[in-house]
Structures are given as structure tokens and as C-alpha cells.
Amino acid sequence: QVQLVESGGGLVQAGGSLRLSCIYSGTIFSTLDWYRQAPGNQRELVAGITIGGSTNYADSVKGRFTISRDTFKNTLYLQMNNLKPEDTAVYYCNGVGRWSRANYWGQGTQVTVSS
């Protein structure tokens, strides 16, 4: 059974930091990503990391967010610094199966940044 479980969300003041975690299991993923969805908005890609370790970021978070993973702990991270109110959203962990190419989603974790 494939599972992705996020944690680490919360309420933080603008300029603060949070680190999100996503523990994954059940399959090998070719890519692991963080998405977010704010009320009334479409879900958007925040950052991604490939099985080879290449990373990519949305322009809006470059220089502030860092995606990483610990393959021994099967955990994906998103370090978020200098948070802004516009970063407020539900953040989701996503994985693409290496062989199935199926998309798997976590349940999401709420991040709220107050001004």
C-alpha cells in the first residue's frame, strides 16, 4: 500500500520558517514533489526532486524554499524560510511511481502565514 504522510504545517508570522516532512512508503518514486493549494486557487507545483537528486522550484519560492530528501528515512522535506502571507495554503506531498507512473498524494498539511 502506497502512503505519503505530511506533517510540519502550522501558523507562523511573516518572515518566519517552517519545515514540512513527508514520510513515504509502498513503492519507488521517480519524482517527489510539493504542491500547494490556496482557497479559490488551483493546486500548483512548489518544488520537486527527481530520483537522481535534481531539483526545481516555482519562481515564487526560489531562494526561500529548499526541497530535500533522506532516502534512508524515506522522508521528503520542504524547508521554508522568509515566509510570506501569500504562502498560506494546504501543502501536499506528491509522488510519481517509477514504473507505474501513477500519481500518489498525501492528505495535506495547512500552512498559515500571518502578516
N, C-alpha and C. Protein backbone atom coordinates (compact mmCIF):
# COMPACT_ATOMS: atom_id res chain seq x y z
N GLN A 1 0.85 -1.18 0.00
CA GLN A 1 0.00 0.00 0.00
C GLN A 1 0.89 1.25 0.00
N VAL A 2 0.65 2.12 -0.96
CA VAL A 2 1.43 3.34 -1.08
C VAL A 2 0.86 4.38 -0.12
N GLN A 3 1.76 5.00 0.62
CA GLN A 3 1.33 6.05 1.55
C GLN A 3 2.29 7.22 1.52
N LEU A 4 1.75 8.42 1.62
CA LEU A 4 2.54 9.63 1.81
C LEU A 4 1.85 10.40 2.94
N VAL A 5 2.59 10.70 3.98
CA VAL A 5 2.00 11.35 5.15
C VAL A 5 2.80 12.60 5.48
N GLU A 6 2.13 13.75 5.34
CA GLU A 6 2.77 15.03 5.60
C GLU A 6 2.63 15.44 7.05
N SER A 7 3.56 16.26 7.49
CA SER A 7 3.48 16.87 8.82
C SER A 7 4.32 18.14 8.80
N GLY A 8 4.17 18.94 9.85
CA GLY A 8 5.01 20.12 9.99
C GLY A 8 4.34 21.44 9.71
N GLY A 9 3.11 21.41 9.24
CA GLY A 9 2.42 22.66 8.99
C GLY A 9 2.07 23.38 10.28
N GLY A 10 1.60 24.62 10.14
CA GLY A 10 1.21 25.38 11.32
C GLY A 10 1.03 26.84 11.01
N LEU A 11 0.95 27.63 12.06
CA LEU A 11 0.78 29.08 11.95
C LEU A 11 2.11 29.75 12.27
N VAL A 12 2.53 30.66 11.41
CA VAL A 12 3.80 31.34 11.60
C VAL A 12 3.64 32.79 11.14
N GLN A 13 4.41 33.67 11.72
CA GLN A 13 4.39 35.06 11.30
C GLN A 13 5.22 35.25 10.03
N ALA A 14 4.88 36.27 9.30
CA ALA A 14 5.66 36.60 8.10
C ALA A 14 7.13 36.77 8.47
N GLY A 15 7.99 36.22 7.62
CA GLY A 15 9.41 36.23 7.88
C GLY A 15 9.92 35.01 8.62
N GLY A 16 9.01 34.22 9.13
CA GLY A 16 9.38 33.03 9.88
C GLY A 16 9.67 31.83 8.99
N SER A 17 9.91 30.69 9.63
CA SER A 17 10.28 29.47 8.91
C SER A 17 9.47 28.29 9.39
N LEU A 18 9.30 27.33 8.51
CA LEU A 18 8.71 26.03 8.84
C LEU A 18 9.41 24.98 8.01
N ARG A 19 9.42 23.75 8.52
CA ARG A 19 9.91 22.62 7.73
C ARG A 19 8.82 21.57 7.66
N LEU A 20 8.42 21.29 6.45
CA LEU A 20 7.44 20.24 6.21
C LEU A 20 8.16 18.91 5.97
N SER A 21 7.52 17.84 6.41
CA SER A 21 8.04 16.50 6.18
C SER A 21 6.98 15.64 5.53
N CYS A 22 7.42 14.69 4.73
CA CYS A 22 6.52 13.73 4.10
C CYS A 22 7.18 12.36 4.16
N ILE A 23 6.62 11.48 4.95
CA ILE A 23 7.12 10.11 5.03
C ILE A 23 6.40 9.28 3.98
N TYR A 24 7.17 8.62 3.10
CA TYR A 24 6.57 7.87 2.01
C TYR A 24 6.94 6.39 2.10
N SER A 25 6.07 5.56 1.57
CA SER A 25 6.30 4.12 1.61
C SER A 25 5.45 3.43 0.58
N GLY A 26 5.80 2.20 0.27
CA GLY A 26 4.97 1.36 -0.57
C GLY A 26 5.42 1.20 -2.00
N THR A 27 6.29 2.09 -2.49
CA THR A 27 6.78 1.97 -3.85
C THR A 27 8.01 2.85 -4.00
N ILE A 28 8.66 2.73 -5.16
CA ILE A 28 9.77 3.61 -5.51
C ILE A 28 9.22 4.75 -6.36
N PHE A 29 9.60 5.95 -6.05
CA PHE A 29 9.11 7.11 -6.77
C PHE A 29 10.20 7.68 -7.68
N SER A 30 9.82 8.00 -8.92
CA SER A 30 10.78 8.63 -9.82
C SER A 30 10.94 10.11 -9.48
N THR A 31 9.88 10.74 -9.07
CA THR A 31 9.95 12.13 -8.61
C THR A 31 9.08 12.29 -7.37
N LEU A 32 9.48 13.22 -6.53
CA LEU A 32 8.71 13.60 -5.35
C LEU A 32 8.57 15.11 -5.37
N ASP A 33 7.38 15.57 -5.13
CA ASP A 33 7.10 17.00 -5.27
C ASP A 33 6.29 17.52 -4.08
N TRP A 34 6.38 18.81 -3.90
CA TRP A 34 5.49 19.53 -3.01
C TRP A 34 4.59 20.43 -3.86
N TYR A 35 3.30 20.33 -3.63
CA TYR A 35 2.31 21.20 -4.24
C TYR A 35 1.63 21.99 -3.13
N ARG A 36 0.93 23.04 -3.53
CA ARG A 36 0.12 23.77 -2.57
C ARG A 36 -1.16 24.27 -3.25
N GLN A 37 -2.16 24.45 -2.41
CA GLN A 37 -3.44 24.95 -2.92
C GLN A 37 -4.03 25.91 -1.90
N ALA A 38 -4.18 27.15 -2.34
CA ALA A 38 -4.82 28.17 -1.51
C ALA A 38 -6.31 28.21 -1.85
N PRO A 39 -7.14 28.69 -0.95
CA PRO A 39 -8.58 28.75 -1.21
C PRO A 39 -8.88 29.52 -2.49
N GLY A 40 -9.67 28.92 -3.35
CA GLY A 40 -10.05 29.56 -4.60
C GLY A 40 -9.03 29.46 -5.71
N ASN A 41 -7.90 28.83 -5.42
CA ASN A 41 -6.84 28.72 -6.42
C ASN A 41 -6.65 27.27 -6.85
N GLN A 42 -6.01 27.10 -8.00
CA GLN A 42 -5.67 25.76 -8.43
C GLN A 42 -4.44 25.26 -7.66
N ARG A 43 -4.32 23.96 -7.59
CA ARG A 43 -3.14 23.38 -6.97
C ARG A 43 -1.94 23.68 -7.86
N GLU A 44 -0.84 24.12 -7.23
CA GLU A 44 0.34 24.50 -8.00
C GLU A 44 1.58 23.79 -7.48
N LEU A 45 2.50 23.53 -8.40
CA LEU A 45 3.77 22.90 -8.03
C LEU A 45 4.65 23.92 -7.32
N VAL A 46 5.17 23.53 -6.17
CA VAL A 46 6.07 24.39 -5.40
C VAL A 46 7.52 24.00 -5.65
N ALA A 47 7.82 22.72 -5.53
CA ALA A 47 9.19 22.24 -5.70
C ALA A 47 9.16 20.75 -5.96
N GLY A 48 10.18 20.27 -6.67
CA GLY A 48 10.27 18.85 -6.97
C GLY A 48 11.70 18.36 -6.92
N ILE A 49 11.85 17.05 -6.72
CA ILE A 49 13.17 16.43 -6.71
C ILE A 49 13.05 15.08 -7.40
N THR A 50 14.01 14.81 -8.29
CA THR A 50 13.98 13.55 -9.02
C THR A 50 14.75 12.47 -8.28
N ILE A 51 14.62 11.24 -8.78
CA ILE A 51 15.34 10.13 -8.17
C ILE A 51 16.84 10.35 -8.25
N GLY A 52 17.28 11.13 -9.23
CA GLY A 52 18.70 11.44 -9.36
C GLY A 52 19.15 12.62 -8.52
N GLY A 53 18.21 13.29 -7.88
CA GLY A 53 18.55 14.40 -7.00
C GLY A 53 18.42 15.78 -7.61
N SER A 54 18.00 15.87 -8.87
CA SER A 54 17.78 17.18 -9.48
C SER A 54 16.56 17.84 -8.87
N THR A 55 16.65 19.15 -8.70
CA THR A 55 15.55 19.88 -8.07
C THR A 55 15.03 20.98 -8.98
N ASN A 56 13.79 21.36 -8.76
CA ASN A 56 13.21 22.50 -9.47
C ASN A 56 12.25 23.21 -8.53
N TYR A 57 12.07 24.50 -8.77
CA TYR A 57 11.26 25.33 -7.88
C TYR A 57 10.37 26.27 -8.68
N ALA A 58 9.24 26.59 -8.11
CA ALA A 58 8.41 27.66 -8.66
C ALA A 58 9.16 28.98 -8.45
N ASP A 59 8.99 29.89 -9.40
CA ASP A 59 9.68 31.18 -9.30
C ASP A 59 9.36 31.90 -7.99
N SER A 60 8.15 31.73 -7.52
CA SER A 60 7.69 32.46 -6.34
C SER A 60 8.39 32.02 -5.05
N VAL A 61 9.04 30.87 -5.08
CA VAL A 61 9.68 30.37 -3.85
C VAL A 61 11.20 30.22 -3.98
N LYS A 62 11.73 30.46 -5.17
CA LYS A 62 13.18 30.33 -5.36
C LYS A 62 13.93 31.24 -4.39
N GLY A 63 14.95 30.67 -3.77
CA GLY A 63 15.75 31.43 -2.82
C GLY A 63 15.20 31.42 -1.41
N ARG A 64 13.96 30.94 -1.25
CA ARG A 64 13.35 30.90 0.09
C ARG A 64 13.06 29.46 0.54
N PHE A 65 12.70 28.60 -0.39
CA PHE A 65 12.35 27.22 -0.06
C PHE A 65 13.44 26.28 -0.56
N THR A 66 13.62 25.18 0.17
CA THR A 66 14.57 24.15 -0.24
C THR A 66 13.93 22.78 -0.08
N ILE A 67 13.93 22.01 -1.16
CA ILE A 67 13.42 20.65 -1.11
C ILE A 67 14.60 19.69 -0.95
N SER A 68 14.39 18.67 -0.14
CA SER A 68 15.43 17.67 0.06
C SER A 68 14.77 16.36 0.47
N ARG A 69 15.56 15.31 0.48
CA ARG A 69 15.02 14.02 0.91
C ARG A 69 16.10 13.23 1.62
N ASP A 70 15.65 12.36 2.51
CA ASP A 70 16.52 11.42 3.20
C ASP A 70 16.07 10.04 2.76
N THR A 71 16.85 9.42 1.88
CA THR A 71 16.44 8.13 1.33
C THR A 71 16.48 7.01 2.36
N PHE A 72 17.28 7.16 3.40
CA PHE A 72 17.33 6.14 4.44
C PHE A 72 16.09 6.18 5.32
N LYS A 73 15.55 7.39 5.48
CA LYS A 73 14.35 7.55 6.30
C LYS A 73 13.08 7.59 5.45
N ASN A 74 13.23 7.49 4.13
CA ASN A 74 12.07 7.61 3.22
C ASN A 74 11.26 8.87 3.55
N THR A 75 11.95 9.96 3.67
CA THR A 75 11.30 11.21 4.05
C THR A 75 11.68 12.34 3.10
N LEU A 76 10.69 13.07 2.67
CA LEU A 76 10.85 14.24 1.83
C LEU A 76 10.65 15.47 2.72
N TYR A 77 11.44 16.51 2.48
CA TYR A 77 11.36 17.72 3.29
C TYR A 77 11.13 18.94 2.41
N LEU A 78 10.55 19.96 3.02
CA LEU A 78 10.49 21.28 2.39
C LEU A 78 10.81 22.30 3.48
N GLN A 79 12.00 22.86 3.40
CA GLN A 79 12.39 23.92 4.31
C GLN A 79 11.91 25.24 3.74
N MET A 80 11.11 25.95 4.50
CA MET A 80 10.51 27.19 4.02
C MET A 80 10.98 28.33 4.92
N ASN A 81 11.71 29.25 4.33
CA ASN A 81 12.23 30.41 5.06
C ASN A 81 11.62 31.69 4.52
N ASN A 82 11.71 32.73 5.31
CA ASN A 82 11.18 34.04 4.91
C ASN A 82 9.76 33.90 4.36
N LEU A 83 8.92 33.26 5.13
CA LEU A 83 7.56 33.00 4.67
C LEU A 83 6.76 34.29 4.53
N LYS A 84 5.87 34.29 3.55
CA LYS A 84 5.04 35.44 3.25
C LYS A 84 3.56 35.05 3.38
N PRO A 85 2.69 36.01 3.62
CA PRO A 85 1.26 35.67 3.72
C PRO A 85 0.74 34.93 2.48
N GLU A 86 1.29 35.24 1.32
CA GLU A 86 0.84 34.57 0.09
C GLU A 86 1.29 33.12 0.01
N ASP A 87 2.11 32.66 0.94
CA ASP A 87 2.48 31.24 1.01
C ASP A 87 1.41 30.42 1.75
N THR A 88 0.43 31.10 2.30
CA THR A 88 -0.63 30.40 3.01
C THR A 88 -1.39 29.47 2.07
N ALA A 89 -1.46 28.19 2.45
CA ALA A 89 -2.10 27.19 1.59
C ALA A 89 -2.06 25.84 2.31
N VAL A 90 -2.75 24.88 1.74
CA VAL A 90 -2.56 23.49 2.13
C VAL A 90 -1.45 22.94 1.24
N TYR A 91 -0.45 22.35 1.87
CA TYR A 91 0.69 21.81 1.15
C TYR A 91 0.56 20.29 1.06
N TYR A 92 0.75 19.78 -0.15
CA TYR A 92 0.60 18.36 -0.42
C TYR A 92 1.90 17.76 -0.92
N CYS A 93 2.16 16.56 -0.48
CA CYS A 93 3.27 15.76 -0.97
C CYS A 93 2.74 14.89 -2.11
N ASN A 94 3.50 14.82 -3.19
CA ASN A 94 3.11 14.04 -4.36
C ASN A 94 4.27 13.17 -4.79
N GLY A 95 3.97 11.93 -5.18
CA GLY A 95 4.99 11.06 -5.72
C GLY A 95 4.52 10.39 -6.99
N VAL A 96 5.42 10.26 -7.96
CA VAL A 96 5.11 9.57 -9.22
C VAL A 96 5.82 8.23 -9.19
N GLY A 97 5.06 7.16 -9.31
CA GLY A 97 5.62 5.83 -9.28
C GLY A 97 6.64 5.61 -10.39
N ARG A 98 7.77 5.00 -10.03
CA ARG A 98 8.87 4.85 -11.01
C ARG A 98 8.46 3.99 -12.18
N TRP A 99 7.71 2.94 -11.96
CA TRP A 99 7.32 2.05 -13.05
C TRP A 99 5.86 2.24 -13.46
N SER A 100 4.99 2.50 -12.50
CA SER A 100 3.57 2.65 -12.82
C SER A 100 3.25 4.01 -13.40
N ARG A 101 4.09 5.03 -13.08
CA ARG A 101 3.85 6.42 -13.47
C ARG A 101 2.57 6.98 -12.85
N ALA A 102 2.04 6.26 -11.88
CA ALA A 102 0.84 6.74 -11.20
C ALA A 102 1.19 7.86 -10.24
N ASN A 103 0.23 8.75 -10.01
CA ASN A 103 0.40 9.84 -9.06
C ASN A 103 -0.19 9.45 -7.72
N TYR A 104 0.56 9.70 -6.68
CA TYR A 104 0.09 9.43 -5.33
C TYR A 104 0.16 10.73 -4.53
N TRP A 105 -0.85 10.94 -3.68
CA TRP A 105 -0.95 12.18 -2.91
C TRP A 105 -1.07 11.90 -1.42
N GLY A 106 -0.49 12.81 -0.65
CA GLY A 106 -0.72 12.79 0.77
C GLY A 106 -2.02 13.53 1.11
N GLN A 107 -2.32 13.62 2.39
CA GLN A 107 -3.59 14.22 2.82
C GLN A 107 -3.49 15.74 2.94
N GLY A 108 -2.28 16.27 2.94
CA GLY A 108 -2.08 17.71 3.03
C GLY A 108 -1.84 18.20 4.45
N THR A 109 -1.12 19.31 4.54
CA THR A 109 -0.88 19.95 5.82
C THR A 109 -1.03 21.46 5.63
N GLN A 110 -1.73 22.09 6.57
CA GLN A 110 -2.05 23.51 6.44
C GLN A 110 -0.88 24.37 6.90
N VAL A 111 -0.54 25.35 6.07
CA VAL A 111 0.45 26.37 6.42
C VAL A 111 -0.25 27.73 6.37
N THR A 112 -0.19 28.44 7.47
CA THR A 112 -0.81 29.77 7.54
C THR A 112 0.24 30.78 7.98
N VAL A 113 0.41 31.82 7.17
CA VAL A 113 1.40 32.86 7.45
C VAL A 113 0.65 34.15 7.73
N SER A 114 0.82 34.67 8.93
CA SER A 114 0.14 35.90 9.30
C SER A 114 1.04 37.10 9.02
N SER A 115 0.40 38.21 8.69
CA SER A 115 1.17 39.43 8.36
C SER A 115 1.43 40.27 9.59
